[in-house]
């Protein structure tokens, strides 16, 4: 635990800066402007209304709840082996070898895993509790908790909903967010280059499957690198999902929920994009996994380089938005609403996250997605 809690100068500095900034904001901007006149800290706000949800709003929240349950499941797996275990995120006992390889990417990696896991747990619980408060059926995926997770030291051995052992990752989000010329909302058929091409061409573990995966050193480092790219890949999807669904919400309160949870997913994305960047920069890159042949290139060296592959460029580059005739704007992309829920199901399925699941599982997810995609904002 002491190893997990050790803070690097870089990590401590970053968190201290953020903390000081938030305190300053609370004393100035928030106090003077955002809270408005007559609203004080600690003053409770009642729910907007006791009215029932529209069919569409309920469907949006049910799909969001299902996605958060799935996220919680795989984040708990990461936390068991590589995060900090406490009364907020319990389970497992940690794997020192795997954790040390994650900390090669950032010394604070275990803390970030813990906090991301805690966030997803709260999202899942809140969404289901809100649905129940409105007389709607909450979402449960417990009948589908049938997959085996890691058998390496540190795992709880509990049955899982998701499979982190055979991932195929589309890392084109890397260049999509660095491109200043293209936006998939305007050019849905444009192909953005992959950051780590090999991850899109095979099936790779993001956790040690057994203790046999803990060596050689380059192999377990490649597994940790895969985890970092998987984390960023997942969270960029959430960054798009919530604003896309919010455009279909009818209730102001449901809109508030979606636009309040969504930005936390973007915070996660930016964090993990930074960690993934360490996996494709010196001194860790280039790296070839001697067991699987998976190659992590140095994106700072030829034939890469340039803005599309810059490792520390973790804020969205301005790009075309809404219309090519308008000035470029730094935005989340994509945020188009058509078929977004089914797109998420297909995206998660194609990465191998549900490999081994039953036909009933896929049928249930697709039904939730279909209902969410049918939601329309009612005026």
Protein backbone atom coordinates (compact mmCIF):
# COMPACT_ATOMS: atom_id res chain seq x y z
CA UNK A 1 0.00 0.00 0.00
CA UNK A 2 2.82 2.42 0.81
CA UNK A 3 4.17 1.82 -2.69
CA UNK A 4 0.77 2.61 -4.21
CA UNK A 5 0.41 5.79 -2.19
CA UNK A 6 3.86 7.17 -3.01
CA UNK A 7 3.53 10.47 -4.85
CA UNK A 8 5.83 11.63 -7.61
CA UNK A 9 6.81 15.32 -7.70
CA UNK A 10 4.99 15.65 -11.01
CA UNK A 11 1.77 14.07 -9.70
CA UNK A 12 1.79 15.96 -6.42
CA UNK A 13 2.46 19.23 -8.21
CA UNK A 14 -0.40 18.67 -10.64
CA UNK A 15 -2.93 17.82 -7.95
CA UNK A 16 -1.80 20.71 -5.75
CA UNK A 17 -2.24 23.11 -8.64
CA UNK A 18 -5.73 21.81 -9.38
CA UNK A 19 -6.69 21.96 -5.71
CA UNK A 20 -5.45 25.54 -5.34
CA UNK A 21 -7.29 26.51 -8.53
CA UNK A 22 -10.55 25.01 -7.33
CA UNK A 23 -10.29 26.74 -3.97
CA UNK A 24 -9.66 30.05 -5.69
CA UNK A 25 -12.59 29.48 -8.01
CA UNK A 26 -14.83 28.68 -5.07
CA UNK A 27 -13.87 31.94 -3.38
CA UNK A 28 -14.31 34.13 -6.44
CA UNK A 29 -16.11 32.94 -9.56
CA UNK A 30 -18.47 30.53 -7.85
CA UNK A 31 -19.17 32.79 -4.92
CA UNK A 32 -19.79 35.88 -7.03
CA UNK A 33 -21.34 34.56 -10.19
CA UNK A 34 -22.25 30.94 -10.82
CA UNK A 35 -24.33 30.44 -7.69
CA UNK A 36 -26.30 33.60 -8.31
CA UNK A 37 -27.98 35.89 -5.81
CA UNK A 38 -29.68 34.31 -2.85
CA UNK A 39 -28.09 30.86 -3.23
CA UNK A 40 -25.66 29.83 -0.51
CA UNK A 41 -23.35 26.85 -0.09
CA UNK A 42 -25.20 23.99 1.60
CA UNK A 43 -28.64 25.15 0.53
CA UNK A 44 -30.55 22.11 -0.67
CA UNK A 45 -32.41 22.06 -3.95
CA UNK A 46 -35.52 19.98 -4.32
CA UNK A 47 -36.01 17.76 -7.33
CA UNK A 48 -37.42 19.71 -10.25
CA UNK A 49 -40.73 17.90 -10.04
CA UNK A 50 -42.40 14.71 -8.92
CA UNK A 51 -43.62 14.09 -12.45
CA UNK A 52 -42.92 10.74 -14.04
CA UNK A 53 -40.35 10.42 -16.78
CA UNK A 54 -41.22 10.30 -20.43
CA UNK A 55 -40.60 6.95 -22.08
CA UNK A 56 -37.64 8.44 -23.92
CA UNK A 57 -36.03 9.98 -20.84
CA UNK A 58 -36.36 6.71 -18.93
CA UNK A 59 -34.76 4.85 -21.84
CA UNK A 60 -31.83 7.28 -21.95
CA UNK A 61 -31.15 6.85 -18.25
CA UNK A 62 -31.59 3.08 -18.35
CA UNK A 63 -29.01 2.81 -21.12
CA UNK A 64 -26.65 5.11 -19.23
CA UNK A 65 -27.10 2.98 -16.11
CA UNK A 66 -26.26 -0.21 -18.05
CA UNK A 67 -23.09 1.37 -19.45
CA UNK A 68 -22.05 2.53 -15.99
CA UNK A 69 -22.60 -0.97 -14.58
CA UNK A 70 -20.31 -2.35 -17.28
CA UNK A 71 -17.72 0.34 -16.59
CA UNK A 72 -17.87 -0.37 -12.87
CA UNK A 73 -17.25 -4.05 -13.57
CA UNK A 74 -14.03 -3.61 -15.49
CA UNK A 75 -12.74 -0.74 -13.36
CA UNK A 76 -13.11 -2.92 -10.28
CA UNK A 77 -10.97 -5.54 -12.03
CA UNK A 78 -8.28 -2.92 -12.64
CA UNK A 79 -8.49 -1.70 -9.06
CA UNK A 80 -8.14 -5.20 -7.60
CA UNK A 81 -4.74 -5.64 -9.22
CA UNK A 82 -3.43 -2.13 -9.79
CA UNK A 83 -5.43 0.38 -7.75
CA UNK A 84 -5.84 1.43 -4.13
CA UNK A 85 -8.23 -0.74 -2.14
CA UNK A 86 -10.19 0.84 0.69
CA UNK A 87 -13.76 1.20 1.97
CA UNK A 88 -14.71 3.15 -1.18
CA UNK A 89 -13.39 0.57 -3.64
CA UNK A 90 -12.90 -2.81 -2.02
CA UNK A 91 -11.92 -6.23 -3.37
CA UNK A 92 -8.70 -7.92 -4.35
CA UNK A 93 -5.33 -7.51 -2.72
CA UNK A 94 -3.18 -5.94 -5.44
CA UNK A 95 -0.46 -7.25 -7.69
CA UNK A 96 2.90 -5.55 -6.98
CA UNK A 97 4.50 -6.47 -10.32
CA UNK A 98 1.57 -5.21 -12.42
CA UNK A 99 1.24 -2.10 -10.25
CA UNK A 100 4.93 -1.28 -10.66
CA UNK A 101 4.55 -1.40 -14.46
CA UNK A 102 1.53 0.92 -14.33
CA UNK A 103 3.61 3.29 -12.21
CA UNK A 104 6.20 3.41 -14.99
CA UNK A 105 3.52 5.39 -16.86
CA UNK A 106 2.72 7.57 -13.86
CA UNK A 107 3.60 7.12 -10.20
CA UNK A 108 0.04 8.09 -9.25
CA UNK A 109 -1.58 5.48 -11.51
CA UNK A 110 -3.06 3.46 -8.59
CA UNK A 111 -4.76 6.57 -7.20
CA UNK A 112 -6.25 7.44 -10.57
CA UNK A 113 -7.59 3.89 -11.00
CA UNK A 114 -9.18 4.06 -7.57
CA UNK A 115 -10.82 7.42 -8.22
CA UNK A 116 -12.11 6.44 -11.65
CA UNK A 117 -13.57 3.24 -10.19
CA UNK A 118 -15.23 5.15 -7.37
CA UNK A 119 -16.75 7.58 -9.89
CA UNK A 120 -18.30 4.80 -11.97
CA UNK A 121 -19.73 3.11 -8.87
CA UNK A 122 -21.45 6.36 -7.88
CA UNK A 123 -22.79 6.90 -11.42
CA UNK A 124 -24.31 3.41 -11.48
CA UNK A 125 -25.90 3.77 -8.06
CA UNK A 126 -27.24 7.27 -8.68
CA UNK A 127 -28.83 6.50 -12.04
CA UNK A 128 -30.61 3.40 -10.75
CA UNK A 129 -31.75 5.20 -7.59
CA UNK A 130 -33.09 8.10 -9.67
CA UNK A 131 -34.98 5.72 -11.95
CA UNK A 132 -36.56 4.07 -8.91
CA UNK A 133 -37.49 7.46 -7.45
CA UNK A 134 -39.47 8.12 -10.63
CA UNK A 135 -41.25 4.77 -10.52
CA UNK A 136 -39.06 3.28 -13.26
CA UNK A 137 -37.42 -0.14 -13.29
CA UNK A 138 -33.70 0.01 -12.43
CA UNK A 139 -31.18 -1.86 -14.57
CA UNK A 140 -29.56 -5.08 -13.38
CA UNK A 141 -26.98 -7.11 -15.28
CA UNK A 142 -26.38 -9.62 -12.48
CA UNK A 143 -27.71 -12.65 -14.43
CA UNK A 144 -24.89 -12.04 -16.92
CA UNK A 145 -22.04 -12.00 -14.38
CA UNK A 146 -20.55 -15.23 -15.70
CA UNK A 147 -17.11 -14.44 -17.15
CA UNK A 148 -13.82 -15.41 -15.55
CA UNK A 149 -11.44 -12.56 -14.79
CA UNK A 150 -7.75 -12.58 -14.00
CA UNK A 151 -6.39 -15.53 -12.01
CA UNK A 152 -3.19 -13.65 -11.16
CA UNK A 153 -2.17 -12.84 -7.61
CA UNK A 154 -4.34 -10.02 -6.24
CA UNK A 155 -7.58 -10.84 -8.05
CA UNK A 156 -10.70 -11.59 -6.02
CA UNK A 157 -11.64 -14.30 -8.52
CA UNK A 158 -15.24 -13.07 -8.67
CA UNK A 159 -17.29 -13.69 -11.83
CA UNK A 160 -17.32 -10.71 -14.22
CA UNK A 161 -19.50 -9.03 -16.80
CA UNK A 162 -16.60 -7.94 -18.98
CA UNK A 163 -13.51 -9.55 -20.48
CA UNK A 164 -10.18 -7.70 -20.21
CA UNK A 165 -8.14 -10.59 -21.54
CA UNK A 166 -8.75 -10.36 -25.31
CA UNK A 167 -8.97 -6.69 -26.22
CA UNK A 168 -8.81 -5.27 -29.73
CA UNK A 169 -8.51 -1.50 -29.45
CA UNK A 170 -9.30 1.20 -31.98
CA UNK A 171 -6.82 3.95 -31.08
CA UNK A 172 -7.86 6.33 -33.87
CA UNK A 173 -9.31 8.64 -31.19
CA UNK A 174 -5.68 9.72 -30.66
CA UNK A 175 -5.43 11.40 -34.05
CA UNK A 176 -9.12 12.38 -34.15
CA UNK A 177 -8.63 14.66 -31.13
CA UNK A 178 -5.37 16.04 -32.53
CA UNK A 179 -6.72 16.77 -35.99
CA UNK A 180 -7.53 20.39 -36.75
CA UNK A 181 -8.95 19.56 -40.18
CA UNK A 182 -11.47 16.76 -39.62
CA UNK A 183 -14.48 16.01 -37.41
CA UNK A 184 -16.33 12.66 -37.69
CA UNK A 185 -19.66 14.46 -37.26
CA UNK A 186 -19.02 16.21 -40.58
CA UNK A 187 -17.01 13.46 -42.28
CA UNK A 188 -18.30 10.14 -40.91
CA UNK A 189 -16.32 8.13 -43.47
CA UNK A 190 -12.96 9.79 -42.84
CA UNK A 191 -10.37 7.33 -41.51
CA UNK A 192 -8.20 8.70 -38.71
CA UNK A 193 -4.80 6.97 -38.33
CA UNK A 194 -4.23 4.61 -35.42
CA UNK A 195 -1.82 5.57 -32.67
CA UNK A 196 -0.87 1.95 -31.90
CA UNK A 197 -1.80 0.01 -35.01
CA UNK A 198 -1.00 -3.35 -33.44
CA UNK A 199 -3.72 -2.96 -30.80
CA UNK A 200 -6.34 -2.92 -33.57
CA UNK A 201 -5.01 -6.09 -35.18
CA UNK A 202 -5.06 -8.73 -32.45
CA UNK A 203 -6.42 -9.75 -29.06
CA UNK A 204 -4.36 -8.58 -26.08
CA UNK A 205 -4.72 -8.71 -22.29
CA UNK A 206 -4.92 -5.53 -20.21
CA UNK A 207 -4.48 -7.51 -16.98
CA UNK A 208 -2.13 -10.40 -16.26
CA UNK A 209 -4.20 -13.50 -16.94
CA UNK A 210 -2.18 -15.60 -14.50
CA UNK A 211 1.11 -15.13 -12.67
CA UNK A 212 2.80 -16.50 -15.80
CA UNK A 213 2.11 -13.10 -17.41
CA UNK A 214 4.21 -11.30 -14.80
CA UNK A 215 7.40 -11.99 -16.77
CA UNK A 216 9.35 -11.27 -18.84
CA UNK A 217 9.47 -7.60 -17.92
CA UNK A 218 8.65 -6.30 -21.42
CA UNK A 219 5.57 -8.54 -21.58
CA UNK A 220 3.96 -7.28 -18.38
CA UNK A 221 4.88 -3.70 -19.36
CA UNK A 222 3.03 -4.21 -22.65
CA UNK A 223 0.02 -5.45 -20.68
CA UNK A 224 0.14 -2.28 -18.54
CA UNK A 225 0.46 -0.15 -21.69
CA UNK A 226 -2.57 -1.91 -23.18
CA UNK A 227 -4.52 -1.09 -20.01
CA UNK A 228 -3.65 2.60 -20.33
CA UNK A 229 -4.84 2.70 -23.94
CA UNK A 230 -7.98 0.73 -23.06
CA UNK A 231 -8.83 3.17 -20.27
CA UNK A 232 -8.50 6.16 -22.60
CA UNK A 233 -10.41 4.38 -25.37
CA UNK A 234 -13.35 3.68 -23.07
CA UNK A 235 -13.49 7.13 -21.51
CA UNK A 236 -13.39 9.01 -24.83
CA UNK A 237 -16.49 7.00 -25.73
CA UNK A 238 -18.25 8.21 -22.59
CA UNK A 239 -17.19 11.77 -23.40
CA UNK A 240 -19.24 11.54 -26.61
CA UNK A 241 -22.14 9.45 -25.30
CA UNK A 242 -23.47 11.82 -22.67
CA UNK A 243 -23.69 15.04 -24.72
CA UNK A 244 -25.20 13.06 -27.60
CA UNK A 245 -27.93 11.60 -25.36
CA UNK A 246 -28.51 14.95 -23.65
CA UNK A 247 -29.74 16.41 -26.95
CA UNK A 248 -32.66 13.96 -26.86
CA UNK A 249 -33.73 14.58 -23.25
CA UNK A 250 -37.13 16.14 -22.55
CA UNK A 251 -36.97 16.79 -18.80
CA UNK A 252 -34.68 19.61 -17.69
CA UNK A 253 -33.76 17.43 -14.73
CA UNK A 254 -32.76 14.50 -16.96
CA UNK A 255 -30.78 16.94 -19.10
CA UNK A 256 -29.06 18.15 -15.94
CA UNK A 257 -28.11 14.59 -14.99
CA UNK A 258 -26.63 13.84 -18.40
CA UNK A 259 -24.64 17.08 -18.68
CA UNK A 260 -23.41 16.71 -15.10
CA UNK A 261 -22.13 13.14 -15.42
CA UNK A 262 -20.76 13.58 -18.95
CA UNK A 263 -17.97 16.03 -18.08
CA UNK A 264 -16.57 13.64 -15.47
CA UNK A 265 -16.09 11.10 -18.26
CA UNK A 266 -14.13 13.75 -20.16
CA UNK A 267 -11.96 14.35 -17.09
CA UNK A 268 -11.26 10.62 -17.06
CA UNK A 269 -10.42 10.66 -20.77
CA UNK A 270 -7.91 13.48 -20.43
CA UNK A 271 -6.23 11.72 -17.49
CA UNK A 272 -5.86 8.40 -19.28
CA UNK A 273 -4.82 10.01 -22.55
CA UNK A 274 -1.89 11.45 -20.64
CA UNK A 275 -0.97 8.01 -19.26
CA UNK A 276 -1.28 6.40 -22.69
CA UNK A 277 1.08 9.09 -23.97
CA UNK A 278 3.78 7.81 -21.62
CA UNK A 279 3.52 4.38 -23.26
CA UNK A 280 4.45 5.78 -26.67
CA UNK A 281 7.19 8.17 -25.58
CA UNK A 282 10.79 7.62 -24.41
CA UNK A 283 12.03 6.10 -22.21
CA UNK A 284 9.32 3.41 -22.38
CA UNK A 285 8.92 3.46 -26.16
CA UNK A 286 9.61 1.83 -28.48
CA UNK A 287 8.65 -1.48 -26.87
CA UNK A 288 7.97 -4.89 -28.38
CA UNK A 289 6.20 -7.53 -26.32
CA UNK A 290 8.42 -10.63 -26.68
CA UNK A 291 5.44 -12.89 -25.95
CA UNK A 292 2.76 -11.50 -28.28
CA UNK A 293 4.76 -9.33 -30.68
CA UNK A 294 2.64 -6.28 -29.87
CA UNK A 295 4.63 -3.14 -30.74
CA UNK A 296 4.31 0.23 -29.01
CA UNK A 297 6.06 2.78 -31.24
CA UNK A 298 7.81 5.97 -30.21
CA UNK A 299 5.34 8.50 -31.59
CA UNK A 300 7.93 11.25 -31.22
CA UNK A 301 10.19 9.67 -33.85
CA UNK A 302 9.81 9.12 -37.62
CA UNK A 303 7.68 8.04 -39.36
CA UNK A 304 5.42 9.60 -36.74
CA UNK A 305 5.85 13.02 -35.15
CA UNK A 306 3.90 16.16 -35.92
CA UNK A 307 0.67 17.34 -34.35
CA UNK A 308 -1.33 14.17 -35.08
CA UNK A 309 0.94 12.03 -32.92
CA UNK A 310 2.22 14.43 -30.25
CA UNK A 311 2.10 12.57 -26.93
CA UNK A 312 1.53 15.50 -24.58
CA UNK A 313 -1.21 17.14 -26.68
CA UNK A 314 -4.08 16.09 -24.39
CA UNK A 315 -6.51 18.95 -24.99
CA UNK A 316 -8.80 18.81 -28.07
CA UNK A 317 -7.40 20.68 -31.04
CA UNK A 318 -9.94 23.09 -32.59
CA UNK A 319 -11.65 21.46 -35.56
CA UNK A 320 -14.63 22.07 -37.88
CA UNK A 321 -17.89 22.03 -35.90
CA UNK A 322 -21.52 22.06 -37.10
CA UNK A 323 -20.53 23.50 -40.48
CA UNK A 324 -17.28 23.86 -42.44
CA UNK A 325 -18.24 27.49 -43.04
CA UNK A 326 -17.96 28.29 -39.31
CA UNK A 327 -14.67 28.93 -37.50
CA UNK A 328 -12.95 25.93 -36.00
CA UNK A 329 -13.82 25.19 -32.37
CA UNK A 330 -12.33 22.96 -29.66
CA UNK A 331 -15.09 20.43 -28.95
CA UNK A 332 -15.87 16.86 -27.98
CA UNK A 333 -16.31 14.76 -31.11
CA UNK A 334 -18.40 13.07 -32.18
CA UNK A 335 -21.61 14.33 -30.55
CA UNK A 336 -24.11 13.51 -33.30
CA UNK A 337 -27.13 11.74 -31.83
CA UNK A 338 -28.23 9.32 -34.56
CA UNK A 339 -27.75 5.72 -33.43
CA UNK A 340 -25.38 6.72 -30.63
CA UNK A 341 -26.50 4.07 -28.14
CA UNK A 342 -26.32 1.20 -30.60
CA UNK A 343 -23.00 2.59 -31.74
CA UNK A 344 -21.71 2.28 -28.17
CA UNK A 345 -22.86 -1.34 -27.96
CA UNK A 346 -21.12 -2.14 -31.25
CA UNK A 347 -18.00 -0.24 -30.18
CA UNK A 348 -17.70 -2.15 -26.89
CA UNK A 349 -18.47 -5.46 -28.56
CA UNK A 350 -15.88 -4.98 -31.30
CA UNK A 351 -13.11 -4.37 -28.75
CA UNK A 352 -13.73 -7.82 -27.26
CA UNK A 353 -15.05 -6.53 -23.96
CA UNK A 354 -17.97 -8.98 -24.02
CA UNK A 355 -16.16 -11.99 -25.46
CA UNK A 356 -17.74 -15.09 -23.91
CA UNK A 357 -21.07 -13.47 -23.07
CA UNK A 358 -24.40 -15.16 -23.87
CA UNK A 359 -26.78 -14.29 -26.73
CA UNK A 360 -29.25 -13.17 -24.05
CA UNK A 361 -26.74 -10.58 -22.81
CA UNK A 362 -26.35 -9.05 -26.27
CA UNK A 363 -30.10 -9.12 -26.82
CA UNK A 364 -30.69 -7.25 -23.56
CA UNK A 365 -28.06 -4.60 -24.31
CA UNK A 366 -29.33 -4.07 -27.84
CA UNK A 367 -32.87 -3.67 -26.57
CA UNK A 368 -31.75 -0.97 -24.12
CA UNK A 369 -29.80 0.74 -26.90
CA UNK A 370 -32.70 0.58 -29.35
CA UNK A 371 -35.03 2.18 -26.82
CA UNK A 372 -32.50 4.92 -26.03
CA UNK A 373 -31.97 5.66 -29.73
CA UNK A 374 -35.74 5.98 -30.16
CA UNK A 375 -35.90 8.76 -27.55
CA UNK A 376 -36.93 12.17 -28.88
CA UNK A 377 -37.03 15.50 -27.11
CA UNK A 378 -40.66 16.36 -26.51
CA UNK A 379 -41.73 19.99 -26.53
